[in-house]
PDB file of N, CA and C in Angstrom:
ATOM      1  N   UNK A   1       0.709  10.389 -31.881  1.00  0.00           N
ATOM      2  CA  UNK A   1       1.889   9.637 -32.210  1.00  0.00           C
ATOM      3  C   UNK A   1       3.162  10.291 -31.758  1.00  0.00           C
ATOM      4  N   UNK A   2       3.156  11.619 -31.818  1.00  0.00           N
ATOM      5  CA  UNK A   2       4.367  12.360 -31.423  1.00  0.00           C
ATOM      6  C   UNK A   2       4.541  12.280 -29.865  1.00  0.00           C
ATOM      7  N   UNK A   3       3.461  12.145 -29.163  1.00  0.00           N
ATOM      8  CA  UNK A   3       3.607  12.009 -27.706  1.00  0.00           C
ATOM      9  C   UNK A   3       4.321  10.727 -27.292  1.00  0.00           C
ATOM     10  N   UNK A   4       4.226   9.680 -28.151  1.00  0.00           N
ATOM     11  CA  UNK A   4       4.905   8.453 -27.806  1.00  0.00           C
ATOM     12  C   UNK A   4       6.432   8.614 -27.845  1.00  0.00           C
ATOM     13  N   UNK A   5       6.935   9.542 -28.639  1.00  0.00           N
ATOM     14  CA  UNK A   5       8.379   9.779 -28.703  1.00  0.00           C
ATOM     15  C   UNK A   5       8.843  10.375 -27.386  1.00  0.00           C
ATOM     16  N   UNK A   6       7.958  10.990 -26.615  1.00  0.00           N
ATOM     17  CA  UNK A   6       8.284  11.486 -25.314  1.00  0.00           C
ATOM     18  C   UNK A   6       8.028  10.464 -24.200  1.00  0.00           C
ATOM     19  N   UNK A   7       6.835   9.822 -24.294  1.00  0.00           N
ATOM     20  CA  UNK A   7       6.398   8.945 -23.213  1.00  0.00           C
ATOM     21  C   UNK A   7       7.213   7.652 -23.100  1.00  0.00           C
ATOM     22  N   UNK A   8       7.617   7.066 -24.211  1.00  0.00           N
ATOM     23  CA  UNK A   8       8.404   5.829 -24.198  1.00  0.00           C
ATOM     24  C   UNK A   8       9.738   6.012 -23.498  1.00  0.00           C
ATOM     25  N   UNK A   9      10.527   7.006 -23.884  1.00  0.00           N
ATOM     26  CA  UNK A   9      11.814   7.214 -23.196  1.00  0.00           C
ATOM     27  C   UNK A   9      11.632   7.551 -21.717  1.00  0.00           C
ATOM     28  N   UNK A  10      10.590   8.329 -21.357  1.00  0.00           N
ATOM     29  CA  UNK A  10      10.267   8.622 -19.964  1.00  0.00           C
ATOM     30  C   UNK A  10       9.947   7.403 -19.214  1.00  0.00           C
ATOM     31  N   UNK A  11       9.192   6.509 -19.812  1.00  0.00           N
ATOM     32  CA  UNK A  11       8.837   5.240 -19.159  1.00  0.00           C
ATOM     33  C   UNK A  11      10.061   4.378 -18.915  1.00  0.00           C
ATOM     34  N   UNK A  12      10.918   4.333 -19.924  1.00  0.00           N
ATOM     35  CA  UNK A  12      12.142   3.536 -19.850  1.00  0.00           C
ATOM     36  C   UNK A  12      13.081   4.098 -18.730  1.00  0.00           C
ATOM     37  N   UNK A  13      13.098   5.380 -18.602  1.00  0.00           N
ATOM     38  CA  UNK A  13      13.874   6.011 -17.526  1.00  0.00           C
ATOM     39  C   UNK A  13      13.339   5.685 -16.209  1.00  0.00           C
ATOM     40  N   UNK A  14      11.991   5.624 -16.037  1.00  0.00           N
ATOM     41  CA  UNK A  14      11.411   5.280 -14.815  1.00  0.00           C
ATOM     42  C   UNK A  14      11.678   3.802 -14.429  1.00  0.00           C
ATOM     43  N   UNK A  15      11.617   2.916 -15.424  1.00  0.00           N
ATOM     44  CA  UNK A  15      11.970   1.517 -15.088  1.00  0.00           C
ATOM     45  C   UNK A  15      13.382   1.332 -14.735  1.00  0.00           C
ATOM     46  N   UNK A  16      14.307   2.055 -15.401  1.00  0.00           N
ATOM     47  CA  UNK A  16      15.704   2.003 -15.082  1.00  0.00           C
ATOM     48  C   UNK A  16      15.967   2.547 -13.740  1.00  0.00           C
ATOM     49  N   UNK A  17      15.280   3.611 -13.358  1.00  0.00           N
ATOM     50  CA  UNK A  17      15.437   4.161 -12.012  1.00  0.00           C
ATOM     51  C   UNK A  17      14.916   3.211 -10.935  1.00  0.00           C
ATOM     52  N   UNK A  18      13.801   2.571 -11.190  1.00  0.00           N
ATOM     53  CA  UNK A  18      13.258   1.626 -10.222  1.00  0.00           C
ATOM     54  C   UNK A  18      14.191   0.398 -10.069  1.00  0.00           C
ATOM     55  N   UNK A  19      14.751  -0.078 -11.120  1.00  0.00           N
ATOM     56  CA  UNK A  19      15.713  -1.167 -11.065  1.00  0.00           C
ATOM     57  C   UNK A  19      16.939  -0.759 -10.237  1.00  0.00           C
ATOM     58  N   UNK A  20      17.421   0.428 -10.551  1.00  0.00           N
ATOM     59  CA  UNK A  20      18.629   0.935  -9.781  1.00  0.00           C
ATOM     60  C   UNK A  20      18.274   1.112  -8.298  1.00  0.00           C
ATOM     61  N   UNK A  21      17.147   1.606  -7.961  1.00  0.00           N
ATOM     62  CA  UNK A  21      16.772   1.746  -6.558  1.00  0.00           C
ATOM     63  C   UNK A  21      16.685   0.336  -5.832  1.00  0.00           C
ATOM     64  N   UNK A  22      16.149  -0.610  -6.573  1.00  0.00           N
ATOM     65  CA  UNK A  22      15.993  -1.962  -5.979  1.00  0.00           C
ATOM     66  C   UNK A  22      17.374  -2.544  -5.773  1.00  0.00           C
ATOM     67  N   UNK A  23      18.288  -2.417  -6.732  1.00  0.00           N
ATOM     68  CA  UNK A  23      19.657  -2.922  -6.544  1.00  0.00           C
ATOM     69  C   UNK A  23      20.372  -2.215  -5.432  1.00  0.00           C
ATOM     70  N   UNK A  24      20.158  -0.891  -5.330  1.00  0.00           N
ATOM     71  CA  UNK A  24      20.792  -0.105  -4.253  1.00  0.00           C
ATOM     72  C   UNK A  24      20.274  -0.610  -2.905  1.00  0.00           C
ATOM     73  N   UNK A  25      18.976  -0.882  -2.830  1.00  0.00           N
ATOM     74  CA  UNK A  25      18.426  -1.320  -1.490  1.00  0.00           C
ATOM     75  C   UNK A  25      18.962  -2.709  -1.166  1.00  0.00           C
ATOM     76  N   UNK A  26      19.094  -3.596  -2.117  1.00  0.00           N
ATOM     77  CA  UNK A  26      19.574  -4.928  -1.849  1.00  0.00           C
ATOM     78  C   UNK A  26      21.051  -4.863  -1.395  1.00  0.00           C
ATOM     79  N   UNK A  27      21.828  -4.045  -2.043  1.00  0.00           N
ATOM     80  CA  UNK A  27      23.262  -3.899  -1.654  1.00  0.00           C
ATOM     81  C   UNK A  27      23.409  -3.248  -0.273  1.00  0.00           C
ATOM     82  N   UNK A  28      22.481  -2.440   0.114  1.00  0.00           N
ATOM     83  CA  UNK A  28      22.497  -1.804   1.440  1.00  0.00           C
ATOM     84  C   UNK A  28      21.965  -2.673   2.565  1.00  0.00           C
ATOM     85  N   UNK A  29      21.429  -3.869   2.215  1.00  0.00           N
ATOM     86  CA  UNK A  29      21.006  -4.819   3.242  1.00  0.00           C
ATOM     87  C   UNK A  29      19.553  -4.572   3.674  1.00  0.00           C
ATOM     88  N   UNK A  30      18.743  -3.919   2.897  1.00  0.00           N
ATOM     89  CA  UNK A  30      17.360  -3.662   3.308  1.00  0.00           C
ATOM     90  C   UNK A  30      16.458  -4.889   3.387  1.00  0.00           C
ATOM     91  N   UNK A  31      16.881  -5.944   2.645  1.00  0.00           N
ATOM     92  CA  UNK A  31      16.023  -7.100   2.573  1.00  0.00           C
ATOM     93  C   UNK A  31      16.660  -8.317   3.287  1.00  0.00           C
ATOM     94  N   UNK A  32      17.636  -8.142   4.190  1.00  0.00           N
ATOM     95  CA  UNK A  32      18.299  -9.191   4.844  1.00  0.00           C
ATOM     96  C   UNK A  32      17.426  -9.853   5.878  1.00  0.00           C
ATOM     97  N   UNK A  33      16.779  -9.027   6.671  1.00  0.00           N
ATOM     98  CA  UNK A  33      16.020  -9.548   7.784  1.00  0.00           C
ATOM     99  C   UNK A  33      14.543  -9.088   7.608  1.00  0.00           C
ATOM    100  N   UNK A  34      13.754 -10.007   7.047  1.00  0.00           N
ATOM    101  CA  UNK A  34      12.402  -9.597   6.724  1.00  0.00           C
ATOM    102  C   UNK A  34      11.410  -9.853   7.931  1.00  0.00           C
ATOM    103  N   UNK A  35      11.782 -10.769   8.792  1.00  0.00           N
ATOM    104  CA  UNK A  35      10.883 -11.103   9.936  1.00  0.00           C
ATOM    105  C   UNK A  35      11.244 -10.433  11.254  1.00  0.00           C
ATOM    106  N   UNK A  36      12.440  -9.964  11.404  1.00  0.00           N
ATOM    107  CA  UNK A  36      12.933  -9.391  12.666  1.00  0.00           C
ATOM    108  C   UNK A  36      12.158  -8.187  13.110  1.00  0.00           C
ATOM    109  N   UNK A  37      11.902  -7.195  12.299  1.00  0.00           N
ATOM    110  CA  UNK A  37      11.199  -5.978  12.748  1.00  0.00           C
ATOM    111  C   UNK A  37       9.758  -6.346  13.164  1.00  0.00           C
ATOM    112  N   UNK A  38       9.088  -7.285  12.505  1.00  0.00           N
ATOM    113  CA  UNK A  38       7.742  -7.652  12.918  1.00  0.00           C
ATOM    114  C   UNK A  38       7.716  -8.352  14.292  1.00  0.00           C
ATOM    115  N   UNK A  39       8.671  -9.224  14.505  1.00  0.00           N
ATOM    116  CA  UNK A  39       8.801  -9.943  15.764  1.00  0.00           C
ATOM    117  C   UNK A  39       9.167  -8.954  16.849  1.00  0.00           C
ATOM    118  N   UNK A  40      10.090  -8.026  16.603  1.00  0.00           N
ATOM    119  CA  UNK A  40      10.479  -7.000  17.603  1.00  0.00           C
ATOM    120  C   UNK A  40       9.243  -6.171  18.047  1.00  0.00           C
ATOM    121  N   UNK A  41       8.363  -5.862  17.115  1.00  0.00           N
ATOM    122  CA  UNK A  41       7.211  -5.078  17.458  1.00  0.00           C
ATOM    123  C   UNK A  41       6.312  -5.892  18.379  1.00  0.00           C
ATOM    124  N   UNK A  42       6.118  -7.112  18.056  1.00  0.00           N
ATOM    125  CA  UNK A  42       5.271  -7.933  18.867  1.00  0.00           C
ATOM    126  C   UNK A  42       5.927  -8.199  20.275  1.00  0.00           C
ATOM    127  N   UNK A  43       7.236  -8.360  20.290  1.00  0.00           N
ATOM    128  CA  UNK A  43       7.934  -8.563  21.564  1.00  0.00           C
ATOM    129  C   UNK A  43       7.731  -7.365  22.499  1.00  0.00           C
ATOM    130  N   UNK A  44       7.810  -6.174  21.975  1.00  0.00           N
ATOM    131  CA  UNK A  44       7.640  -4.969  22.736  1.00  0.00           C
ATOM    132  C   UNK A  44       6.237  -4.929  23.397  1.00  0.00           C
ATOM    133  N   UNK A  45       5.218  -5.285  22.555  1.00  0.00           N
ATOM    134  CA  UNK A  45       3.844  -5.315  23.029  1.00  0.00           C
ATOM    135  C   UNK A  45       3.683  -6.393  24.103  1.00  0.00           C
ATOM    136  N   UNK A  46       4.278  -7.551  23.894  1.00  0.00           N
ATOM    137  CA  UNK A  46       4.131  -8.690  24.756  1.00  0.00           C
ATOM    138  C   UNK A  46       4.781  -8.348  26.136  1.00  0.00           C
ATOM    139  N   UNK A  47       5.973  -7.736  26.148  1.00  0.00           N
ATOM    140  CA  UNK A  47       6.657  -7.378  27.384  1.00  0.00           C
ATOM    141  C   UNK A  47       5.882  -6.307  28.108  1.00  0.00           C
ATOM    142  N   UNK A  48       5.301  -5.353  27.431  1.00  0.00           N
ATOM    143  CA  UNK A  48       4.556  -4.318  28.180  1.00  0.00           C
ATOM    144  C   UNK A  48       3.238  -4.918  28.714  1.00  0.00           C
ATOM    145  N   UNK A  49       2.611  -5.878  28.031  1.00  0.00           N
ATOM    146  CA  UNK A  49       1.410  -6.534  28.523  1.00  0.00           C
ATOM    147  C   UNK A  49       1.761  -7.362  29.740  1.00  0.00           C
ATOM    148  N   UNK A  50       2.893  -7.997  29.726  1.00  0.00           N
ATOM    149  CA  UNK A  50       3.262  -8.819  30.899  1.00  0.00           C
ATOM    150  C   UNK A  50       3.542  -7.949  32.111  1.00  0.00           C
ATOM    151  N   UNK A  51       4.243  -6.867  31.940  1.00  0.00           N
ATOM    152  CA  UNK A  51       4.467  -5.980  33.040  1.00  0.00           C
ATOM    153  C   UNK A  51       3.199  -5.366  33.588  1.00  0.00           C
ATOM    154  N   UNK A  52       2.222  -5.068  32.695  1.00  0.00           N
ATOM    155  CA  UNK A  52       0.961  -4.579  33.119  1.00  0.00           C
ATOM    156  C   UNK A  52       0.247  -5.610  34.026  1.00  0.00           C
ATOM    157  N   UNK A  53       0.288  -6.870  33.551  1.00  0.00           N
ATOM    158  CA  UNK A  53      -0.371  -7.924  34.359  1.00  0.00           C
ATOM    159  C   UNK A  53       0.362  -8.146  35.676  1.00  0.00           C
ATOM    160  N   UNK A  54       1.680  -8.052  35.695  1.00  0.00           N
ATOM    161  CA  UNK A  54       2.420  -8.216  36.950  1.00  0.00           C
ATOM    162  C   UNK A  54       2.005  -7.097  37.938  1.00  0.00           C
ATOM    163  N   UNK A  55       1.809  -5.853  37.401  1.00  0.00           N
ATOM    164  CA  UNK A  55       1.446  -4.763  38.235  1.00  0.00           C
ATOM    165  C   UNK A  55       0.059  -4.933  38.831  1.00  0.00           C
ATOM    166  N   UNK A  56      -0.841  -5.480  38.031  1.00  0.00           N
ATOM    167  CA  UNK A  56      -2.239  -5.751  38.494  1.00  0.00           C
ATOM    168  C   UNK A  56      -2.196  -6.841  39.547  1.00  0.00           C
ATOM    169  N   UNK A  57      -1.424  -7.904  39.350  1.00  0.00           N
ATOM    170  CA  UNK A  57      -1.337  -8.993  40.375  1.00  0.00           C
ATOM    171  C   UNK A  57      -0.769  -8.462  41.675  1.00  0.00           C
ATOM    172  N   UNK A  58       0.197  -7.587  41.589  1.00  0.00           N
ATOM    173  CA  UNK A  58       0.854  -7.016  42.786  1.00  0.00           C
ATOM    174  C   UNK A  58      -0.111  -6.152  43.542  1.00  0.00           C
ATOM    175  N   UNK A  59      -0.905  -5.310  42.798  1.00  0.00           N
ATOM    176  CA  UNK A  59      -1.903  -4.496  43.546  1.00  0.00           C
ATOM    177  C   UNK A  59      -2.971  -5.325  44.169  1.00  0.00           C
ATOM    178  N   UNK A  60      -3.389  -6.465  43.525  1.00  0.00           N
ATOM    179  CA  UNK A  60      -4.416  -7.345  44.117  1.00  0.00           C
ATOM    180  C   UNK A  60      -3.860  -7.986  45.337  1.00  0.00           C
ATOM    181  N   UNK A  61      -2.607  -8.395  45.341  1.00  0.00           N
ATOM    182  CA  UNK A  61      -2.005  -9.046  46.465  1.00  0.00           C
ATOM    183  C   UNK A  61      -1.923  -8.070  47.641  1.00  0.00           C
ATOM    184  N   UNK A  62      -1.546  -6.830  47.364  1.00  0.00           N
ATOM    185  CA  UNK A  62      -1.422  -5.829  48.395  1.00  0.00           C
ATOM    186  C   UNK A  62      -2.792  -5.482  49.017  1.00  0.00           C
ATOM    187  N   UNK A  63      -3.771  -5.362  48.166  1.00  0.00           N
ATOM    188  CA  UNK A  63      -5.095  -4.984  48.578  1.00  0.00           C
ATOM    189  C   UNK A  63      -5.875  -6.104  49.257  1.00  0.00           C
ATOM    190  N   UNK A  64      -5.399  -7.409  49.021  1.00  0.00           N
ATOM    191  CA  UNK A  64      -6.029  -8.543  49.615  1.00  0.00           C
ATOM    192  C   UNK A  64      -7.220  -9.095  48.821  1.00  0.00           C
ATOM    193  N   UNK A  65      -7.408  -8.693  47.542  1.00  0.00           N
ATOM    194  CA  UNK A  65      -8.480  -9.232  46.740  1.00  0.00           C
ATOM    195  C   UNK A  65      -8.163 -10.591  46.169  1.00  0.00           C
TER     196      UNK A  65
END
């Protein structure tokens, strides 16, 4: 029972800290663009795949295959 006198305030402090961190992140704009970074990652991979294919086509044209 005496451990509850320590654990309950510590738990409440953790909850308050989590809420404060969430509010801080929202105010800093961390949740404004949820889709952009994922699309940017795919765009980089798509552009590199296209340049690889263009290089392969160019070497095929030069070699006559």
